[in-house]
Amino acid sequence: MQTQEQFVPVSPREVMVTTAGLRTMRKAWPCSGLPFDACVIFEFDSHGNLCDIKWFSDEGIDIAEPSGVDGACLCALSEDAYHFLDVQQAIEHVSRNPQTLGKD
């Protein structure tokens, strides 16, 4: 389950996976190689394609991509992040335009 504690929208096209989000992913994917003391920001283009990955320490310092991170795990995590961002944008749209609720 995705929560605000695990995923934080940074901009309309970027979402940060917090250390809590990485911890949750490591529980589901124990051999992921995900770091214990970092967060990651995924950036998507206007079509939803992943276009950048940025890693930061707990203190917010830009760090190099950790070595040994499982590619499939990182892909799954980016998809979760995109889904969270997509849902957040839908919620914001409905809150700005309540008359569209329930209409296709």
N, C-alpha and C. Protein backbone atom coordinates (compact mmCIF):
# COMPACT_ATOMS: atom_id res chain seq x y z
N MET A 1 0.84 -1.18 0.00
CA MET A 1 0.00 0.00 0.00
C MET A 1 0.88 1.25 0.00
N GLN A 2 0.60 2.16 -0.89
CA GLN A 2 1.37 3.38 -1.01
C GLN A 2 0.81 4.43 -0.08
N THR A 3 1.69 5.07 0.67
CA THR A 3 1.26 6.11 1.59
C THR A 3 2.06 7.37 1.36
N GLN A 4 1.56 8.47 1.89
CA GLN A 4 2.25 9.75 1.79
C GLN A 4 3.60 9.67 2.50
N GLU A 5 3.72 8.78 3.47
CA GLU A 5 4.98 8.60 4.19
C GLU A 5 6.05 7.98 3.29
N GLN A 6 5.63 7.19 2.32
CA GLN A 6 6.57 6.48 1.46
C GLN A 6 6.84 7.19 0.13
N PHE A 7 5.87 7.91 -0.37
CA PHE A 7 5.98 8.60 -1.65
C PHE A 7 5.59 10.06 -1.45
N VAL A 8 6.39 10.96 -2.00
CA VAL A 8 6.13 12.39 -1.86
C VAL A 8 6.25 13.04 -3.24
N PRO A 9 5.18 13.69 -3.72
CA PRO A 9 5.29 14.39 -5.00
C PRO A 9 6.26 15.57 -4.86
N VAL A 10 7.20 15.68 -5.79
CA VAL A 10 8.18 16.76 -5.77
C VAL A 10 7.77 17.84 -6.76
N SER A 11 7.24 17.42 -7.89
CA SER A 11 6.75 18.32 -8.93
C SER A 11 5.69 17.52 -9.71
N PRO A 12 5.05 18.14 -10.70
CA PRO A 12 4.05 17.38 -11.46
C PRO A 12 4.60 16.14 -12.16
N ARG A 13 5.93 16.08 -12.33
CA ARG A 13 6.52 14.92 -13.03
C ARG A 13 7.56 14.18 -12.20
N GLU A 14 7.72 14.55 -10.94
CA GLU A 14 8.71 13.90 -10.10
C GLU A 14 8.09 13.42 -8.79
N VAL A 15 8.54 12.27 -8.34
CA VAL A 15 8.07 11.75 -7.06
C VAL A 15 9.28 11.16 -6.32
N MET A 16 9.32 11.45 -5.02
CA MET A 16 10.39 10.93 -4.18
C MET A 16 9.90 9.70 -3.43
N VAL A 17 10.72 8.67 -3.44
CA VAL A 17 10.49 7.50 -2.60
C VAL A 17 11.37 7.70 -1.37
N THR A 18 10.75 7.82 -0.21
CA THR A 18 11.46 8.11 1.02
C THR A 18 12.20 6.88 1.54
N THR A 19 12.97 7.08 2.58
CA THR A 19 13.65 5.93 3.21
C THR A 19 12.62 4.93 3.71
N ALA A 20 11.46 5.41 4.16
CA ALA A 20 10.39 4.49 4.59
C ALA A 20 9.88 3.68 3.40
N GLY A 21 9.77 4.31 2.23
CA GLY A 21 9.35 3.60 1.03
C GLY A 21 10.36 2.56 0.59
N LEU A 22 11.65 2.91 0.69
CA LEU A 22 12.69 1.94 0.35
C LEU A 22 12.69 0.78 1.35
N ARG A 23 12.44 1.08 2.63
CA ARG A 23 12.38 0.03 3.65
C ARG A 23 11.24 -0.95 3.35
N THR A 24 10.09 -0.42 2.95
CA THR A 24 8.95 -1.27 2.60
C THR A 24 9.29 -2.15 1.40
N MET A 25 9.96 -1.57 0.41
CA MET A 25 10.33 -2.33 -0.78
C MET A 25 11.35 -3.41 -0.44
N ARG A 26 12.30 -3.10 0.45
CA ARG A 26 13.29 -4.10 0.85
C ARG A 26 12.64 -5.29 1.56
N LYS A 27 11.57 -5.03 2.31
CA LYS A 27 10.85 -6.13 2.97
C LYS A 27 10.23 -7.06 1.94
N ALA A 28 9.69 -6.49 0.87
CA ALA A 28 9.06 -7.29 -0.18
C ALA A 28 10.10 -7.89 -1.13
N TRP A 29 11.26 -7.26 -1.23
CA TRP A 29 12.30 -7.65 -2.18
C TRP A 29 13.63 -7.67 -1.43
N PRO A 30 13.86 -8.67 -0.58
CA PRO A 30 15.01 -8.66 0.33
C PRO A 30 16.38 -8.59 -0.35
N CYS A 31 16.52 -9.10 -1.53
CA CYS A 31 17.81 -9.09 -2.23
C CYS A 31 17.91 -7.92 -3.21
N SER A 32 17.15 -6.87 -2.96
CA SER A 32 17.07 -5.74 -3.89
C SER A 32 18.36 -4.93 -3.99
N GLY A 33 19.14 -4.92 -2.95
CA GLY A 33 20.33 -4.08 -2.95
C GLY A 33 20.02 -2.61 -2.70
N LEU A 34 18.77 -2.29 -2.35
CA LEU A 34 18.41 -0.90 -2.07
C LEU A 34 19.12 -0.43 -0.81
N PRO A 35 19.60 0.81 -0.81
CA PRO A 35 20.33 1.32 0.36
C PRO A 35 19.40 1.56 1.55
N PHE A 36 20.00 1.59 2.73
CA PHE A 36 19.24 1.80 3.97
C PHE A 36 19.12 3.26 4.34
N ASP A 37 19.99 4.09 3.85
CA ASP A 37 20.05 5.48 4.29
C ASP A 37 19.95 6.47 3.12
N ALA A 38 19.01 6.23 2.25
CA ALA A 38 18.87 7.09 1.07
C ALA A 38 17.40 7.20 0.67
N CYS A 39 17.15 8.14 -0.22
CA CYS A 39 15.86 8.23 -0.88
C CYS A 39 16.15 8.42 -2.37
N VAL A 40 15.12 8.21 -3.18
CA VAL A 40 15.31 8.30 -4.62
C VAL A 40 14.17 9.12 -5.23
N ILE A 41 14.51 9.91 -6.23
CA ILE A 41 13.50 10.69 -6.96
C ILE A 41 13.45 10.17 -8.39
N PHE A 42 12.25 9.80 -8.82
CA PHE A 42 12.02 9.37 -10.20
C PHE A 42 11.36 10.53 -10.94
N GLU A 43 11.89 10.82 -12.13
CA GLU A 43 11.30 11.86 -12.98
C GLU A 43 10.74 11.21 -14.23
N PHE A 44 9.52 11.62 -14.60
CA PHE A 44 8.82 11.06 -15.74
C PHE A 44 8.54 12.16 -16.76
N ASP A 45 8.51 11.79 -18.04
CA ASP A 45 8.14 12.77 -19.06
C ASP A 45 6.62 12.88 -19.13
N SER A 46 6.13 13.70 -20.06
CA SER A 46 4.69 13.94 -20.15
C SER A 46 3.90 12.71 -20.59
N HIS A 47 4.59 11.68 -21.07
CA HIS A 47 3.93 10.44 -21.48
C HIS A 47 4.05 9.34 -20.42
N GLY A 48 4.67 9.67 -19.30
CA GLY A 48 4.83 8.69 -18.23
C GLY A 48 6.07 7.83 -18.33
N ASN A 49 6.96 8.16 -19.26
CA ASN A 49 8.21 7.41 -19.41
C ASN A 49 9.22 7.89 -18.38
N LEU A 50 9.91 6.96 -17.77
CA LEU A 50 10.95 7.31 -16.82
C LEU A 50 12.10 7.98 -17.55
N CYS A 51 12.50 9.18 -17.10
CA CYS A 51 13.58 9.88 -17.81
C CYS A 51 14.76 10.23 -16.91
N ASP A 52 14.63 10.10 -15.58
CA ASP A 52 15.77 10.37 -14.72
C ASP A 52 15.55 9.73 -13.35
N ILE A 53 16.66 9.35 -12.73
CA ILE A 53 16.65 8.80 -11.38
C ILE A 53 17.73 9.54 -10.61
N LYS A 54 17.36 10.12 -9.46
CA LYS A 54 18.31 10.87 -8.63
C LYS A 54 18.31 10.27 -7.24
N TRP A 55 19.48 10.03 -6.69
CA TRP A 55 19.64 9.45 -5.36
C TRP A 55 20.12 10.53 -4.39
N PHE A 56 19.59 10.49 -3.16
CA PHE A 56 19.97 11.43 -2.12
C PHE A 56 20.16 10.70 -0.80
N SER A 57 21.06 11.23 0.01
CA SER A 57 21.24 10.69 1.35
C SER A 57 20.06 11.13 2.22
N ASP A 58 19.97 10.59 3.42
CA ASP A 58 18.93 11.02 4.37
C ASP A 58 19.02 12.51 4.66
N GLU A 59 20.22 13.06 4.55
CA GLU A 59 20.43 14.49 4.82
C GLU A 59 20.13 15.36 3.61
N GLY A 60 19.73 14.76 2.50
CA GLY A 60 19.39 15.52 1.30
C GLY A 60 20.56 15.82 0.39
N ILE A 61 21.68 15.15 0.61
CA ILE A 61 22.87 15.35 -0.22
C ILE A 61 22.80 14.43 -1.43
N ASP A 62 23.04 15.01 -2.61
CA ASP A 62 23.05 14.25 -3.86
C ASP A 62 24.16 13.19 -3.78
N ILE A 63 23.81 11.94 -4.03
CA ILE A 63 24.79 10.86 -3.99
C ILE A 63 24.78 10.09 -5.31
N ALA A 64 25.83 9.36 -5.55
CA ALA A 64 25.91 8.52 -6.75
C ALA A 64 24.93 7.35 -6.61
N GLU A 65 24.53 6.83 -7.75
CA GLU A 65 23.64 5.66 -7.73
C GLU A 65 24.32 4.52 -6.98
N PRO A 66 23.62 3.95 -6.01
CA PRO A 66 24.21 2.84 -5.26
C PRO A 66 24.51 1.66 -6.18
N SER A 67 25.63 1.01 -5.94
CA SER A 67 25.97 -0.17 -6.74
C SER A 67 25.22 -1.38 -6.21
N GLY A 68 24.92 -2.30 -7.07
CA GLY A 68 24.29 -3.54 -6.66
C GLY A 68 22.78 -3.49 -6.53
N VAL A 69 22.13 -2.40 -6.95
CA VAL A 69 20.66 -2.34 -6.88
C VAL A 69 20.10 -3.18 -8.02
N ASP A 70 19.18 -4.06 -7.68
CA ASP A 70 18.55 -4.95 -8.65
C ASP A 70 17.72 -4.13 -9.63
N GLY A 71 17.97 -4.28 -10.93
CA GLY A 71 17.27 -3.52 -11.96
C GLY A 71 15.78 -3.75 -11.99
N ALA A 72 15.37 -5.00 -11.83
CA ALA A 72 13.94 -5.31 -11.84
C ALA A 72 13.24 -4.67 -10.64
N CYS A 73 13.91 -4.68 -9.51
CA CYS A 73 13.35 -4.04 -8.31
C CYS A 73 13.21 -2.54 -8.52
N LEU A 74 14.23 -1.91 -9.08
CA LEU A 74 14.18 -0.48 -9.34
C LEU A 74 13.09 -0.14 -10.34
N CYS A 75 12.90 -0.98 -11.32
CA CYS A 75 11.82 -0.79 -12.30
C CYS A 75 10.46 -0.87 -11.61
N ALA A 76 10.27 -1.88 -10.77
CA ALA A 76 9.00 -2.03 -10.04
C ALA A 76 8.76 -0.84 -9.13
N LEU A 77 9.82 -0.36 -8.46
CA LEU A 77 9.69 0.79 -7.58
C LEU A 77 9.31 2.04 -8.36
N SER A 78 9.90 2.23 -9.54
CA SER A 78 9.56 3.39 -10.36
C SER A 78 8.10 3.32 -10.83
N GLU A 79 7.62 2.12 -11.12
CA GLU A 79 6.21 1.97 -11.51
C GLU A 79 5.28 2.30 -10.35
N ASP A 80 5.64 1.89 -9.15
CA ASP A 80 4.86 2.25 -7.96
C ASP A 80 4.85 3.76 -7.77
N ALA A 81 6.02 4.38 -7.96
CA ALA A 81 6.13 5.83 -7.81
C ALA A 81 5.27 6.55 -8.85
N TYR A 82 5.31 6.07 -10.10
CA TYR A 82 4.50 6.69 -11.15
C TYR A 82 3.01 6.54 -10.84
N HIS A 83 2.62 5.36 -10.38
CA HIS A 83 1.21 5.14 -10.03
C HIS A 83 0.78 6.11 -8.93
N PHE A 84 1.62 6.28 -7.92
CA PHE A 84 1.32 7.22 -6.84
C PHE A 84 1.14 8.63 -7.41
N LEU A 85 2.06 9.06 -8.27
CA LEU A 85 1.99 10.39 -8.87
C LEU A 85 0.72 10.55 -9.70
N ASP A 86 0.37 9.52 -10.45
CA ASP A 86 -0.83 9.54 -11.27
C ASP A 86 -2.09 9.67 -10.41
N VAL A 87 -2.14 8.93 -9.31
CA VAL A 87 -3.29 9.00 -8.40
C VAL A 87 -3.37 10.38 -7.75
N GLN A 88 -2.21 10.91 -7.32
CA GLN A 88 -2.19 12.24 -6.71
C GLN A 88 -2.73 13.29 -7.67
N GLN A 89 -2.34 13.21 -8.93
CA GLN A 89 -2.82 14.17 -9.93
C GLN A 89 -4.31 14.03 -10.16
N ALA A 90 -4.82 12.81 -10.15
CA ALA A 90 -6.26 12.59 -10.31
C ALA A 90 -7.03 13.18 -9.13
N ILE A 91 -6.51 13.00 -7.92
CA ILE A 91 -7.15 13.56 -6.73
C ILE A 91 -7.18 15.08 -6.81
N GLU A 92 -6.05 15.68 -7.21
CA GLU A 92 -5.98 17.13 -7.34
C GLU A 92 -6.96 17.63 -8.40
N HIS A 93 -7.07 16.91 -9.51
CA HIS A 93 -8.00 17.30 -10.57
C HIS A 93 -9.43 17.31 -10.06
N VAL A 94 -9.81 16.26 -9.36
CA VAL A 94 -11.19 16.16 -8.85
C VAL A 94 -11.43 17.23 -7.79
N SER A 95 -10.44 17.51 -6.96
CA SER A 95 -10.64 18.53 -5.93
C SER A 95 -10.80 19.92 -6.54
N ARG A 96 -10.15 20.16 -7.68
CA ARG A 96 -10.30 21.44 -8.38
C ARG A 96 -11.57 21.50 -9.22
N ASN A 97 -12.05 20.30 -9.65
CA ASN A 97 -13.19 20.22 -10.56
C ASN A 97 -14.19 19.18 -10.05
N PRO A 98 -14.83 19.42 -8.91
CA PRO A 98 -15.71 18.39 -8.33
C PRO A 98 -16.86 17.98 -9.25
N GLN A 99 -17.23 18.82 -10.18
CA GLN A 99 -18.32 18.49 -11.09
C GLN A 99 -17.97 17.34 -12.02
N THR A 100 -16.65 17.02 -12.16
CA THR A 100 -16.23 15.93 -13.04
C THR A 100 -16.24 14.57 -12.34
N LEU A 101 -16.47 14.56 -11.03
CA LEU A 101 -16.45 13.31 -10.27
C LEU A 101 -17.49 12.35 -10.81
N GLY A 102 -17.05 11.15 -11.17
CA GLY A 102 -17.95 10.11 -11.67
C GLY A 102 -18.25 10.18 -13.15
N LYS A 103 -17.69 11.17 -13.85
CA LYS A 103 -17.89 11.27 -15.29
C LYS A 103 -16.67 10.75 -16.01
N ASP A 104 -16.88 10.06 -17.11
CA ASP A 104 -15.76 9.52 -17.91
C ASP A 104 -15.22 10.56 -18.84
